[in-house]
Amino acid sequence: MPEHTIEMLWDCSFCSTRRIGGTKDHCTNCGAAHDTKKDPWYMPGDISRGNRITEPEKLAMAAAGPNWTCEHCGGTQRAPDGSCLNCAGPKSDAQADRVAGRPPEEPPLASPSPRRAAPTPTHPVPPLPRSTPVHEVEPDWPPRKNDGGIKIIGGAIVAGALLIGLLWFLFHKRPVDIEVTSVEWTQTVTVERYKLVSESGWDENMPSDAANVVNEGSRIHHYDKVLDHYDTVHYTVQVSDGEDCVDIPETCYTTPVTCSTNDNGTADCSGGDEVCSGGGQSCTPRYRDESRTRQDPVYRDEPRYEDHFAWTVWRWRPEREPSHSGETTQTSWPNAQELCLNCKVGVGEKEREAGRRGVYAVHFIDRERSDTFDYKPTSESEFHRFSIGSTHSALYSIAGGLDFQIAAP
């Protein structure tokens, strides 16, 4: 920032002469000495660099330091003056330090005196004036409502409550006293036979114990992708084609000028810079479409042939499933005569029992509520507990059904 010094002004209170230069110690009209306490300096209307001090003697006066006041007659004296021009009184050491810019010496510490409580004021004490005005902000009361946030929170609470209610409805277990109205059961035995079976497939699928192998001829085993030709494909790409630019106007402004008094009728000022922005150009890339071609490969499916075979092999295979069923709790499995293992087998064949499977269902009614329930016991022994007309206690939930183990005493 450029710095410059301006001359301040003062008004004579004796003859009312106005706008006297700050470097003058006497009124230019009546000759009265300048009393800086009675007639303080003030800034001129023009504090720009154009109104700066250029005279060497005034610049020296501005750089000399602040004026000092005579302790004997109260007259205002310039910093270089070693004694008062009015009464010839000498400059004190404190005044000399102030003019030279040295900090004043601290007075010797006195012995502390007992602290007395401050008297209670009889009238309200006005607040001290503030050097900088403070803008008081009125409290926002009552607080403003955030309707959007309240609605979101309220919606989340409602949704959570509905979810909790749904989970409770599905998984809540209530005690029930129920009566068996009907039962169903089916018990099945799976019989397998070891016999000669026919199979077919490729050579890699043929088991080592295959017999009666017959070559059924060549068949398509799989397809290979084979390059057939190339197709010309046309497509478009964007390529750089320079730039599009626009001019940006330059805008300038001058920073404000601020001044601080030197306490000697002059003031040092700074500011008045010219600050510019903009100018030049703003450019964006430009593109154009360009047509191009490429060769894309096209493949065909080429069949690959191998020999296909048929053969026979001895294997265990499901043969039949004799079963019993009923609607009472009296259950039974097919007996040995019904199974008739190895009764009707051919040469080299044999049979075996491969497994047993029981399916059970019990139907209940709650006489008090007229609600009906279904239950599937997991074993034959459990099924026998539910004779028709018997009553049972259980816990019931929509998601889990009946639970007899929890309700058992």
Foldseek 3Di string as FASTA:
>chain_A
DDKFKAFWAKADPVPRRGGHTLLDQADPPPRHGDQCVVINTDHDPDPDPVRGDDDPVVVCQLVQFAWDADPPPRGTGGNVDQADPPPRHGDDPQNVCRSVVHDDDDDDDDDDDDDDDDDDDPDDDDDDDDPDDDDDDDDCPPPDDPVVVVVVVVVVVVVVVVVVVVVCQFPPWDKFKKAFAWKKKKKKWWKKKWDKDKDKWAPVPDDPQWPPKDWPDKDFPFWDWDWDFWDKDKDKDKDWDAKDKDWKDKDKDWFDKDWDDRNRRMIMIDTRDIDMDGGDMDIDIDIDMDMDIDIDIDIDIHTDMDIMMMTMDTDIDTDDMDMDMDIFLDDDGDDCVRVVWPVDDDPPMGMDTDDMDMWMKTKIARVVVRDIAIDTDPDSVVSSVRGHGDMAMFIAGNNPGTDRVVVDD
